[in-house]
Amino acid sequence: MFKLKINVKNFNVSFSDNQILKNINMKIPKNTVTALIGPSGCGKSTFLRSINRMNDFSSNFKRNGSIYVDGEDIYGENVDVVDLRKRIGMVFQKANPFPMSIFENVAYGLKIHGLKDKKELFDTVKRSLKQAALWGEIKDKLDSSALSLSGGQQQRLCIARTIAISPEVILMDEPCSALDPISTLKIEDLICELKRDYTIVLVTHNMQQAKRSSDLTSFFLDGEVIESGLTKDIFSNPKMEKTEDYILGRFG
């Protein structure tokens, strides 16, 4: 039986007077991959950014309802948002390595959080790059610029940078949309490996990717969750006609 990691209850988001998310309820178990699917503009990325409070950066952001992580409401008054974003890392659609060496990219967050011991820094960077399935490709050029890496390598570097600071949850917003098929498969294999240690929430427009990579799938449409369930059930026997229409490419 899965242990619950994230519990979303009656969650709504608006920007100014434009309501983006409408009464979202969702349970995300620990050490699983949950795929969020649906057409562009349906609220998937807004929901993802709500889980580590990145929407807070927008001055016209309004919300009500709750998101619980390990039973704690992350929008509660006493929540340390900096600590929350350490616990809930994010990988963006486009790889965004810093203009510094490969090593310093991964070490950056560790140094920010006060790690100074050189051996511990190196060991943690190495472990993170291994977890991101990148160590074997770059171990002899750690001092090279991260910007010299291929797109797929840059995305895996960003994943290594995220996991270096030991998050509990990794949010991924279309991490393969800018990658070629071979790099995409490497990221998908990596996602399946990472769920042993992390809870992953993945936004994707690629239906085959959702089928290959996720345990659970939620279908978003017009700011609402139309259907959630085991990925194999959503794709083989959806309960809602709108879900079936979307999966079969009748719209979106």
Protein backbone atom coordinates (compact mmCIF):
# COMPACT_ATOMS: atom_id res chain seq x y z
CA MET A 1 0.00 0.00 0.00
CA PHE A 2 1.38 3.41 -0.97
CA LYS A 3 2.09 5.95 1.76
CA LEU A 4 0.59 9.38 1.05
CA LYS A 5 3.11 12.17 0.38
CA ILE A 6 1.02 15.04 -1.02
CA ASN A 7 -2.67 15.61 -0.31
CA VAL A 8 -4.47 18.41 -2.17
CA LYS A 9 -7.85 19.54 -0.83
CA ASN A 10 -10.27 21.94 -2.53
CA PHE A 11 -7.41 23.96 -4.02
CA ASN A 12 -8.17 27.03 -6.14
CA VAL A 13 -5.83 29.51 -7.85
CA SER A 14 -6.56 32.84 -9.50
CA PHE A 15 -4.37 35.51 -11.04
CA SER A 16 -6.22 38.81 -10.67
CA ASP A 17 -9.79 37.86 -11.66
CA ASN A 18 -8.80 34.92 -13.86
CA GLN A 19 -9.40 31.61 -12.10
CA ILE A 20 -6.86 29.02 -13.30
CA LEU A 21 -7.43 26.09 -10.92
CA LYS A 22 -10.87 25.05 -9.73
CA ASN A 23 -11.36 22.93 -6.65
CA ILE A 24 -8.45 20.54 -7.16
CA ASN A 25 -8.44 17.40 -5.03
CA MET A 26 -5.58 14.93 -5.47
CA LYS A 27 -3.62 12.35 -3.51
CA ILE A 28 0.01 11.72 -4.52
CA PRO A 29 1.68 8.71 -2.89
CA LYS A 30 5.31 8.58 -1.83
CA ASN A 31 7.90 7.12 -4.24
CA THR A 32 5.63 7.22 -7.26
CA VAL A 33 5.56 9.15 -10.53
CA THR A 34 2.34 11.09 -11.12
CA ALA A 35 1.82 12.42 -14.65
CA LEU A 36 -0.31 15.52 -15.22
CA ILE A 37 -1.77 15.52 -18.73
CA GLY A 38 -4.14 17.85 -20.57
CA PRO A 39 -4.14 20.51 -23.30
CA SER A 40 -2.08 23.69 -23.09
CA GLY A 41 -3.51 26.29 -20.74
CA CYS A 42 -5.49 23.84 -18.63
CA GLY A 43 -3.64 24.60 -15.36
CA LYS A 44 -1.07 21.78 -15.13
CA SER A 45 2.00 24.01 -14.72
CA THR A 46 0.16 26.36 -12.37
CA PHE A 47 -0.71 23.38 -10.21
CA LEU A 48 2.87 22.12 -10.31
CA ARG A 49 4.19 25.54 -9.25
CA SER A 50 1.67 25.60 -6.42
CA ILE A 51 3.31 22.55 -4.81
CA ASN A 52 6.51 24.47 -4.02
CA ARG A 53 4.89 27.92 -3.85
CA MET A 54 6.60 29.34 -6.93
CA ASN A 55 3.36 31.15 -7.79
CA ASP A 56 4.01 33.31 -4.72
CA PHE A 57 6.41 35.34 -6.87
CA SER A 58 3.43 36.73 -8.81
CA SER A 59 1.89 39.76 -7.11
CA ASN A 60 -1.63 38.99 -8.39
CA PHE A 61 -1.62 35.34 -7.22
CA LYS A 62 -4.55 34.31 -5.03
CA ARG A 63 -5.43 30.89 -3.71
CA ASN A 64 -7.62 29.05 -1.27
CA GLY A 65 -7.77 25.46 -0.16
CA SER A 66 -4.81 23.41 1.07
CA ILE A 67 -1.85 21.36 -0.10
CA TYR A 68 -0.45 19.04 2.55
CA VAL A 69 3.03 17.52 2.34
CA ASP A 70 3.54 14.82 4.97
CA GLY A 71 0.46 16.19 6.70
CA GLU A 72 1.68 19.80 6.90
CA ASP A 73 -0.21 22.53 5.05
CA ILE A 74 2.50 24.19 2.94
CA TYR A 75 0.49 27.43 2.88
CA GLY A 76 0.34 27.54 6.68
CA GLU A 77 1.50 30.67 8.53
CA ASN A 78 4.64 29.13 10.01
CA VAL A 79 5.99 27.46 6.86
CA ASP A 80 9.56 28.41 5.91
CA VAL A 81 9.23 28.81 2.13
CA VAL A 82 13.01 28.60 1.54
CA ASP A 83 13.11 25.27 3.37
CA LEU A 84 10.01 24.12 1.49
CA ARG A 85 11.69 24.75 -1.88
CA LYS A 86 14.70 22.77 -0.67
CA ARG A 87 12.41 19.84 0.11
CA ILE A 88 10.47 20.20 -3.15
CA GLY A 89 12.83 20.70 -6.09
CA MET A 90 11.86 21.71 -9.62
CA VAL A 91 13.16 20.82 -13.08
CA PHE A 92 11.99 23.18 -15.80
CA GLN A 93 10.95 22.70 -19.42
CA LYS A 94 14.16 24.18 -20.75
CA ALA A 95 17.46 23.18 -19.18
CA ASN A 96 18.86 26.15 -17.29
CA PRO A 97 22.46 25.40 -16.25
CA PHE A 98 24.35 28.25 -14.65
CA PRO A 99 27.23 29.79 -16.67
CA MET A 100 29.86 28.03 -14.58
CA SER A 101 31.58 24.65 -14.51
CA ILE A 102 29.75 21.33 -14.39
CA PHE A 103 31.01 20.75 -10.85
CA GLU A 104 30.02 24.22 -9.61
CA ASN A 105 26.52 23.83 -11.07
CA VAL A 106 25.83 20.83 -8.87
CA ALA A 107 27.73 22.23 -5.86
CA TYR A 108 25.94 25.59 -6.02
CA GLY A 109 22.93 24.69 -3.90
CA LEU A 110 25.07 22.77 -1.43
CA LYS A 111 27.27 25.83 -0.87
CA ILE A 112 24.24 28.09 -0.52
CA HIS A 113 23.01 25.80 2.25
CA GLY A 114 26.36 26.00 4.05
CA LEU A 115 28.29 22.91 2.98
CA LYS A 116 32.02 23.83 2.91
CA ASP A 117 33.92 20.59 3.41
CA LYS A 118 35.65 19.90 0.07
CA LYS A 119 35.54 16.11 0.31
CA GLU A 120 31.88 16.08 1.27
CA LEU A 121 31.13 18.52 -1.55
CA PHE A 122 32.91 16.34 -4.10
CA ASP A 123 31.29 13.14 -2.82
CA THR A 124 27.82 14.68 -2.95
CA VAL A 125 28.33 16.12 -6.44
CA LYS A 126 29.62 12.75 -7.66
CA ARG A 127 26.70 10.88 -6.10
CA SER A 128 24.20 13.33 -7.61
CA LEU A 129 25.73 13.07 -11.07
CA LYS A 130 25.65 9.27 -10.79
CA GLN A 131 22.00 9.37 -9.76
CA ALA A 132 21.31 11.59 -12.76
CA ALA A 133 23.03 9.04 -15.05
CA LEU A 134 25.59 11.64 -16.13
CA TRP A 135 28.78 10.80 -14.22
CA GLY A 136 30.14 8.36 -16.76
CA GLU A 137 29.84 10.93 -19.54
CA ILE A 138 31.42 13.93 -17.78
CA LYS A 139 33.66 12.63 -14.96
CA ASP A 140 36.81 13.76 -16.80
CA LYS A 141 35.57 17.28 -17.54
CA LEU A 142 34.03 18.52 -14.29
CA ASP A 143 35.82 21.86 -14.74
CA SER A 144 34.36 22.41 -18.22
CA SER A 145 31.53 24.86 -18.74
CA ALA A 146 28.08 23.36 -18.23
CA LEU A 147 27.02 25.28 -21.33
CA SER A 148 29.26 23.02 -23.45
CA LEU A 149 27.04 20.01 -22.74
CA SER A 150 24.35 18.78 -25.12
CA GLY A 151 20.72 19.63 -24.40
CA GLY A 152 20.00 16.22 -22.92
CA GLN A 153 23.11 16.35 -20.78
CA GLN A 154 22.21 19.84 -19.57
CA GLN A 155 18.78 18.62 -18.49
CA ARG A 156 20.32 15.70 -16.58
CA LEU A 157 22.77 18.17 -15.01
CA CYS A 158 19.82 20.26 -13.83
CA ILE A 159 18.29 17.11 -12.34
CA ALA A 160 21.62 16.39 -10.59
CA ARG A 161 21.64 19.96 -9.25
CA THR A 162 18.11 19.46 -7.94
CA ILE A 163 18.77 16.15 -6.18
CA ALA A 164 22.11 17.31 -4.71
CA ILE A 165 20.32 19.15 -1.91
CA SER A 166 18.31 16.02 -1.02
CA PRO A 167 14.74 17.00 -1.82
CA GLU A 168 11.82 14.73 -1.02
CA VAL A 169 9.75 15.68 -4.07
CA ILE A 170 10.87 16.52 -7.62
CA LEU A 171 8.52 18.54 -9.82
CA MET A 172 9.19 18.24 -13.56
CA ASP A 173 7.55 20.63 -16.02
CA GLU A 174 7.81 19.02 -19.46
CA PRO A 175 11.49 18.13 -18.93
CA CYS A 176 11.82 16.44 -22.35
CA SER A 177 9.93 18.85 -24.60
CA ALA A 178 13.13 20.36 -26.06
CA LEU A 179 15.03 17.07 -26.36
CA ASP A 180 15.61 14.56 -29.15
CA PRO A 181 14.12 11.03 -28.82
CA ILE A 182 17.33 9.42 -27.53
CA SER A 183 17.80 12.05 -24.81
CA THR A 184 14.10 11.79 -23.97
CA LEU A 185 14.39 8.05 -23.35
CA LYS A 186 17.41 8.64 -21.09
CA ILE A 187 15.40 11.11 -19.00
CA GLU A 188 12.44 8.70 -18.86
CA ASP A 189 14.71 5.86 -17.70
CA LEU A 190 16.14 8.24 -15.11
CA ILE A 191 12.66 9.19 -13.85
CA CYS A 192 11.86 5.51 -13.29
CA GLU A 193 15.11 5.10 -11.33
CA LEU A 194 14.65 8.24 -9.25
CA LYS A 195 11.24 7.26 -7.87
CA ARG A 196 13.02 4.79 -5.60
CA ASP A 197 14.23 7.78 -3.57
CA TYR A 198 11.88 10.61 -4.53
CA THR A 199 8.24 11.39 -5.20
CA ILE A 200 7.93 12.80 -8.73
CA VAL A 201 5.19 14.91 -10.30
CA LEU A 202 5.58 15.20 -14.07
CA VAL A 203 3.80 17.55 -16.48
CA THR A 204 3.87 16.14 -20.01
CA HIS A 205 2.08 16.59 -23.32
CA ASN A 206 3.52 13.30 -24.55
CA MET A 207 0.94 10.56 -23.99
CA GLN A 208 3.46 7.79 -24.64
CA GLN A 209 5.78 9.35 -22.07
CA ALA A 210 3.02 9.42 -19.49
CA LYS A 211 2.28 5.74 -20.19
CA ARG A 212 5.94 4.73 -20.02
CA SER A 213 7.06 6.80 -17.05
CA SER A 214 4.20 7.21 -14.57
CA ASP A 215 2.36 5.12 -12.02
CA LEU A 216 -0.58 7.50 -11.74
CA THR A 217 -2.11 10.01 -14.14
CA SER A 218 -4.38 13.02 -13.63
CA PHE A 219 -6.16 14.58 -16.59
CA PHE A 220 -6.63 18.36 -16.37
CA LEU A 221 -9.11 20.32 -18.48
CA ASP A 222 -10.10 23.98 -18.09
CA GLY A 223 -8.57 24.18 -14.61
CA GLU A 224 -10.27 21.06 -13.27
CA VAL A 225 -9.14 17.49 -12.68
CA ILE A 226 -11.48 15.45 -14.85
CA GLU A 227 -10.10 12.06 -13.87
CA SER A 228 -7.28 10.57 -11.79
CA GLY A 229 -6.17 7.01 -11.38
CA LEU A 230 -3.59 4.35 -12.13
CA THR A 231 -1.91 5.16 -15.44
CA LYS A 232 -2.73 1.75 -16.90
CA ASP A 233 -6.41 2.28 -16.10
CA ILE A 234 -6.55 5.87 -17.38
CA PHE A 235 -5.07 4.85 -20.73
CA SER A 236 -6.76 1.47 -21.20
CA ASN A 237 -10.16 2.08 -19.64
CA PRO A 238 -10.88 5.75 -18.82
CA LYS A 239 -14.13 6.38 -16.99
CA MET A 240 -14.80 9.83 -18.43
CA GLU A 241 -15.57 10.45 -22.11
CA LYS A 242 -13.48 13.65 -22.09
CA THR A 243 -10.45 11.69 -20.89
CA GLU A 244 -10.85 9.15 -23.67
CA ASP A 245 -11.28 11.90 -26.27
CA TYR A 246 -8.09 13.62 -25.16
CA ILE A 247 -6.02 10.44 -25.00
CA LEU A 248 -7.18 9.44 -28.48
CA GLY A 249 -6.29 12.85 -29.86
CA ARG A 250 -9.80 14.04 -30.61
CA PHE A 251 -8.93 17.43 -29.11
CA GLY A 252 -6.04 19.23 -27.44
